Amino acid sequence: MDLKKLLDPFPMKKEAELVARSIAKDPKYVQQLWEWCISNEKHSWRASWLMDKVYDIDPALVRPYISKMIALIPELKDESKQRQYLKLISCEPLPRDISGEFINRCFDLLTNASTAVAVKVHAMQILYHFSLIEADIKNELALIIEEQMENGTAGFCSRARKLLNKLNQ
């Protein structure tokens, strides 16, 4: 299967789901998909989007790459890849030995005014998960979330309220 040809031009959602199902049926393509995800090719973000579709079908196929995504986030500048990787990371339990560099990057993404809303939401969710491991950050995280709600979208504020309720329990 030539993933590049399947994803260029950009497929419609239904087409992407069909490709994801094909990958899930033959997992040897997941490694090929990952290699395209981390490449510097022009449309490699499409592969990360497809990785998300594969996760929806069979999360076990994507789990081995979560730690690699975590390692990439601190230096990753591509917002599309950030969004997809953070979404996938937020769906999984965080490893106990999560790097401080990754957590700091999540805080930076959450507090930066120019960060896309979806990226902020996923970073906020990850930080909530981290607060379950490291309870000392709960108060700081709650304060940052409240501050971010002042200029947040309806979707951001909805997720923020849910997480604040959990943090305050």
C-alpha atoms as a PDB file:
ATOM      1  CA  MET A   1       0.000   0.000   0.000  1.00  0.00           C
ATOM      2  CA  ASP A   2       1.408   3.375  -0.983  1.00  0.00           C
ATOM      3  CA  LEU A   3       0.178   5.661   1.798  1.00  0.00           C
ATOM      4  CA  LYS A   4       1.534   8.792   0.141  1.00  0.00           C
ATOM      5  CA  LYS A   5      -0.578   8.210  -2.932  1.00  0.00           C
ATOM      6  CA  LEU A   6      -3.619   7.461  -0.811  1.00  0.00           C
ATOM      7  CA  LEU A   7      -3.236  10.672   1.187  1.00  0.00           C
ATOM      8  CA  ASP A   8      -2.241  13.007  -1.626  1.00  0.00           C
ATOM      9  CA  PRO A   9      -4.501  14.676  -2.611  1.00  0.00           C
ATOM     10  CA  PHE A  10      -6.117  15.093   0.763  1.00  0.00           C
ATOM     11  CA  PRO A  11      -8.793  12.410   1.214  1.00  0.00           C
ATOM     12  CA  MET A  12     -12.293  13.022   2.412  1.00  0.00           C
ATOM     13  CA  LYS A  13     -13.102  11.750   5.900  1.00  0.00           C
ATOM     14  CA  LYS A  14     -14.787   8.599   4.568  1.00  0.00           C
ATOM     15  CA  GLU A  15     -11.785   7.784   2.375  1.00  0.00           C
ATOM     16  CA  ALA A  16      -9.426   8.281   5.306  1.00  0.00           C
ATOM     17  CA  GLU A  17     -11.532   5.943   7.425  1.00  0.00           C
ATOM     18  CA  LEU A  18     -11.334   3.284   4.696  1.00  0.00           C
ATOM     19  CA  VAL A  19      -7.545   3.634   4.549  1.00  0.00           C
ATOM     20  CA  ALA A  20      -7.394   3.440   8.361  1.00  0.00           C
ATOM     21  CA  ARG A  21      -9.454   0.247   8.306  1.00  0.00           C
ATOM     22  CA  SER A  22      -7.072  -1.245   5.738  1.00  0.00           C
ATOM     23  CA  ILE A  23      -4.097  -0.351   7.925  1.00  0.00           C
ATOM     24  CA  ALA A  24      -5.800  -1.839  10.984  1.00  0.00           C
ATOM     25  CA  LYS A  25      -6.371  -5.093   9.101  1.00  0.00           C
ATOM     26  CA  ASP A  26      -2.697  -5.287   8.130  1.00  0.00           C
ATOM     27  CA  PRO A  27      -0.729  -3.680  10.995  1.00  0.00           C
ATOM     28  CA  LYS A  28       2.604  -3.839   9.152  1.00  0.00           C
ATOM     29  CA  TYR A  29       1.537  -0.542   7.600  1.00  0.00           C
ATOM     30  CA  VAL A  30       1.415   1.240  10.958  1.00  0.00           C
ATOM     31  CA  GLN A  31       5.215   1.490  11.044  1.00  0.00           C
ATOM     32  CA  GLN A  32       5.191   2.875   7.502  1.00  0.00           C
ATOM     33  CA  LEU A  33       2.530   5.382   8.558  1.00  0.00           C
ATOM     34  CA  TRP A  34       4.624   6.424  11.581  1.00  0.00           C
ATOM     35  CA  GLU A  35       7.695   6.925   9.424  1.00  0.00           C
ATOM     36  CA  TRP A  36       5.701   9.269   7.232  1.00  0.00           C
ATOM     37  CA  CYS A  37       4.329  11.044  10.326  1.00  0.00           C
ATOM     38  CA  ILE A  38       7.827  11.951  11.495  1.00  0.00           C
ATOM     39  CA  SER A  39       9.160  12.829   8.076  1.00  0.00           C
ATOM     40  CA  ASN A  40       9.680  16.400   6.935  1.00  0.00           C
ATOM     41  CA  GLU A  41       7.612  15.898   3.825  1.00  0.00           C
ATOM     42  CA  LYS A  42       5.181  18.653   2.950  1.00  0.00           C
ATOM     43  CA  HIS A  43       1.979  16.829   3.863  1.00  0.00           C
ATOM     44  CA  SER A  44       3.284  14.510   6.570  1.00  0.00           C
ATOM     45  CA  TRP A  45       0.695  15.938   8.989  1.00  0.00           C
ATOM     46  CA  ARG A  46      -1.879  13.957   6.997  1.00  0.00           C
ATOM     47  CA  ALA A  47      -0.230  10.786   8.215  1.00  0.00           C
ATOM     48  CA  SER A  48      -0.660  11.929  11.836  1.00  0.00           C
ATOM     49  CA  TRP A  49      -4.334  12.588  11.076  1.00  0.00           C
ATOM     50  CA  LEU A  50      -4.606   9.080   9.663  1.00  0.00           C
ATOM     51  CA  MET A  51      -2.830   7.692  12.752  1.00  0.00           C
ATOM     52  CA  ASP A  52      -5.695   9.182  14.778  1.00  0.00           C
ATOM     53  CA  LYS A  53      -8.196   7.335  12.548  1.00  0.00           C
ATOM     54  CA  VAL A  54      -6.287   4.068  13.081  1.00  0.00           C
ATOM     55  CA  TYR A  55      -6.412   4.705  16.852  1.00  0.00           C
ATOM     56  CA  ASP A  56     -10.196   5.019  16.645  1.00  0.00           C
ATOM     57  CA  ILE A  57     -10.349   1.545  15.101  1.00  0.00           C
ATOM     58  CA  ASP A  58      -7.685  -0.220  17.170  1.00  0.00           C
ATOM     59  CA  PRO A  59      -5.884   1.797  19.857  1.00  0.00           C
ATOM     60  CA  ALA A  60      -3.427  -1.045  20.486  1.00  0.00           C
ATOM     61  CA  LEU A  61      -1.852  -0.441  17.074  1.00  0.00           C
ATOM     62  CA  VAL A  62      -0.971   3.159  17.959  1.00  0.00           C
ATOM     63  CA  ARG A  63      -0.004   2.714  21.632  1.00  0.00           C
ATOM     64  CA  PRO A  64       3.618   1.737  20.861  1.00  0.00           C
ATOM     65  CA  TYR A  65       4.092   5.173  19.260  1.00  0.00           C
ATOM     66  CA  ILE A  66       2.688   7.267  22.147  1.00  0.00           C
ATOM     67  CA  SER A  67       6.046   7.485  23.933  1.00  0.00           C
ATOM     68  CA  LYS A  68       7.652   8.558  20.655  1.00  0.00           C
ATOM     69  CA  MET A  69       5.018  11.278  20.258  1.00  0.00           C
ATOM     70  CA  ILE A  70       5.694  12.442  23.819  1.00  0.00           C
ATOM     71  CA  ALA A  71       9.398  12.696  22.994  1.00  0.00           C
ATOM     72  CA  LEU A  72       8.679  14.777  19.876  1.00  0.00           C
ATOM     73  CA  ILE A  73       6.302  17.330  21.425  1.00  0.00           C
ATOM     74  CA  PRO A  74       8.851  19.584  23.198  1.00  0.00           C
ATOM     75  CA  GLU A  75      10.540  20.521  19.903  1.00  0.00           C
ATOM     76  CA  LEU A  76       7.622  20.062  17.500  1.00  0.00           C
ATOM     77  CA  LYS A  77       6.579  23.253  15.715  1.00  0.00           C
ATOM     78  CA  ASP A  78       3.974  21.819  13.277  1.00  0.00           C
ATOM     79  CA  GLU A  79       0.637  22.746  14.843  1.00  0.00           C
ATOM     80  CA  SER A  80      -1.285  20.071  12.929  1.00  0.00           C
ATOM     81  CA  LYS A  81       1.015  17.345  14.224  1.00  0.00           C
ATOM     82  CA  GLN A  82       0.914  18.854  17.735  1.00  0.00           C
ATOM     83  CA  ARG A  83      -2.870  18.692  17.688  1.00  0.00           C
ATOM     84  CA  GLN A  84      -2.990  15.051  16.557  1.00  0.00           C
ATOM     85  CA  TYR A  85      -0.183  13.808  18.799  1.00  0.00           C
ATOM     86  CA  LEU A  86      -1.540  15.601  21.864  1.00  0.00           C
ATOM     87  CA  LYS A  87      -4.999  14.238  21.151  1.00  0.00           C
ATOM     88  CA  LEU A  88      -3.642  10.700  20.998  1.00  0.00           C
ATOM     89  CA  ILE A  89      -1.477  11.201  24.095  1.00  0.00           C
ATOM     90  CA  SER A  90      -4.474  12.604  25.996  1.00  0.00           C
ATOM     91  CA  CYS A  91      -6.414   9.395  25.323  1.00  0.00           C
ATOM     92  CA  GLU A  92      -3.847   7.223  27.074  1.00  0.00           C
ATOM     93  CA  PRO A  93      -2.551   7.020  30.643  1.00  0.00           C
ATOM     94  CA  LEU A  94       0.668   8.980  31.041  1.00  0.00           C
ATOM     95  CA  PRO A  95       3.807   7.021  31.782  1.00  0.00           C
ATOM     96  CA  ARG A  96       5.057   7.437  35.354  1.00  0.00           C
ATOM     97  CA  ASP A  97       8.427   8.638  34.074  1.00  0.00           C
ATOM     98  CA  ILE A  98       6.989  11.417  31.896  1.00  0.00           C
ATOM     99  CA  SER A  99       9.579  14.062  31.142  1.00  0.00           C
ATOM    100  CA  GLY A 100       9.463  17.462  32.753  1.00  0.00           C
ATOM    101  CA  GLU A 101      10.270  18.915  29.350  1.00  0.00           C
ATOM    102  CA  PHE A 102       7.052  17.448  27.929  1.00  0.00           C
ATOM    103  CA  ILE A 103       4.950  18.687  30.853  1.00  0.00           C
ATOM    104  CA  ASN A 104       6.502  22.166  30.620  1.00  0.00           C
ATOM    105  CA  ARG A 105       5.700  22.231  26.899  1.00  0.00           C
ATOM    106  CA  CYS A 106       2.073  21.354  27.672  1.00  0.00           C
ATOM    107  CA  PHE A 107       1.931  24.259  30.147  1.00  0.00           C
ATOM    108  CA  ASP A 108       3.475  26.559  27.517  1.00  0.00           C
ATOM    109  CA  LEU A 109       0.941  25.471  24.892  1.00  0.00           C
ATOM    110  CA  LEU A 110      -1.932  25.963  27.331  1.00  0.00           C
ATOM    111  CA  THR A 111      -0.871  29.476  28.341  1.00  0.00           C
ATOM    112  CA  ASN A 112       0.286  30.795  24.961  1.00  0.00           C
ATOM    113  CA  ALA A 113      -2.332  33.098  23.436  1.00  0.00           C
ATOM    114  CA  SER A 114      -1.379  32.090  19.896  1.00  0.00           C
ATOM    115  CA  THR A 115      -1.862  28.343  20.475  1.00  0.00           C
ATOM    116  CA  ALA A 116      -4.816  26.854  18.589  1.00  0.00           C
ATOM    117  CA  VAL A 117      -7.811  25.993  20.769  1.00  0.00           C
ATOM    118  CA  ALA A 118      -7.698  22.261  20.013  1.00  0.00           C
ATOM    119  CA  VAL A 119      -4.020  22.122  20.989  1.00  0.00           C
ATOM    120  CA  LYS A 120      -4.792  23.987  24.239  1.00  0.00           C
ATOM    121  CA  VAL A 121      -7.652  21.611  25.065  1.00  0.00           C
ATOM    122  CA  HIS A 122      -5.507  18.513  24.557  1.00  0.00           C
ATOM    123  CA  ALA A 123      -2.609  20.026  26.532  1.00  0.00           C
ATOM    124  CA  MET A 124      -5.036  20.891  29.344  1.00  0.00           C
ATOM    125  CA  GLN A 125      -6.375  17.319  29.373  1.00  0.00           C
ATOM    126  CA  ILE A 126      -2.844  15.909  29.530  1.00  0.00           C
ATOM    127  CA  LEU A 127      -1.966  18.239  32.395  1.00  0.00           C
ATOM    128  CA  TYR A 128      -5.071  17.083  34.235  1.00  0.00           C
ATOM    129  CA  HIS A 129      -3.908  13.466  33.780  1.00  0.00           C
ATOM    130  CA  PHE A 130      -0.479  14.501  35.063  1.00  0.00           C
ATOM    131  CA  SER A 131      -2.091  16.088  38.130  1.00  0.00           C
ATOM    132  CA  LEU A 132      -3.406  12.636  39.036  1.00  0.00           C
ATOM    133  CA  ILE A 133       0.207  11.449  39.206  1.00  0.00           C
ATOM    134  CA  GLU A 134       1.682  14.640  40.661  1.00  0.00           C
ATOM    135  CA  ALA A 135      -1.000  16.153  42.914  1.00  0.00           C
ATOM    136  CA  ASP A 136       1.218  19.140  43.733  1.00  0.00           C
ATOM    137  CA  ILE A 137       0.311  20.799  40.427  1.00  0.00           C
ATOM    138  CA  LYS A 138      -3.480  20.713  40.931  1.00  0.00           C
ATOM    139  CA  ASN A 139      -3.760  24.232  42.373  1.00  0.00           C
ATOM    140  CA  GLU A 140      -1.454  25.771  39.783  1.00  0.00           C
ATOM    141  CA  LEU A 141      -3.292  23.992  36.970  1.00  0.00           C
ATOM    142  CA  ALA A 142      -6.679  25.110  38.285  1.00  0.00           C
ATOM    143  CA  LEU A 143      -5.498  28.741  38.410  1.00  0.00           C
ATOM    144  CA  ILE A 144      -4.134  28.583  34.862  1.00  0.00           C
ATOM    145  CA  ILE A 145      -7.326  26.990  33.559  1.00  0.00           C
ATOM    146  CA  GLU A 146      -9.463  29.685  35.209  1.00  0.00           C
ATOM    147  CA  GLU A 147      -7.232  32.366  33.701  1.00  0.00           C
ATOM    148  CA  GLN A 148      -7.453  30.790  30.240  1.00  0.00           C
ATOM    149  CA  MET A 149     -11.243  30.612  30.467  1.00  0.00           C
ATOM    150  CA  GLU A 150     -11.441  34.411  30.431  1.00  0.00           C
ATOM    151  CA  ASN A 151     -10.672  34.434  26.693  1.00  0.00           C
ATOM    152  CA  GLY A 152     -11.552  30.839  25.890  1.00  0.00           C
ATOM    153  CA  THR A 153     -14.008  29.607  23.303  1.00  0.00           C
ATOM    154  CA  ALA A 154     -17.222  27.878  24.333  1.00  0.00           C
ATOM    155  CA  GLY A 155     -15.651  24.468  23.650  1.00  0.00           C
ATOM    156  CA  PHE A 156     -12.528  25.283  25.631  1.00  0.00           C
ATOM    157  CA  CYS A 157     -14.580  26.604  28.568  1.00  0.00           C
ATOM    158  CA  SER A 158     -16.804  23.526  28.544  1.00  0.00           C
ATOM    159  CA  ARG A 159     -13.825  21.184  28.874  1.00  0.00           C
ATOM    160  CA  ALA A 160     -12.174  23.556  31.359  1.00  0.00           C
ATOM    161  CA  ARG A 161     -15.233  23.528  33.645  1.00  0.00           C
ATOM    162  CA  LYS A 162     -15.308  19.714  33.613  1.00  0.00           C
ATOM    163  CA  LEU A 163     -11.635  19.504  34.487  1.00  0.00           C
ATOM    164  CA  LEU A 164     -11.922  22.200  37.180  1.00  0.00           C
ATOM    165  CA  ASN A 165     -14.732  20.224  38.806  1.00  0.00           C
ATOM    166  CA  LYS A 166     -12.509  17.138  38.846  1.00  0.00           C
ATOM    167  CA  LEU A 167      -9.523  19.106  40.143  1.00  0.00           C
ATOM    168  CA  ASN A 168     -11.590  20.559  42.989  1.00  0.00           C
ATOM    169  CA  GLN A 169     -12.939  17.223  44.207  1.00  0.00           C
END
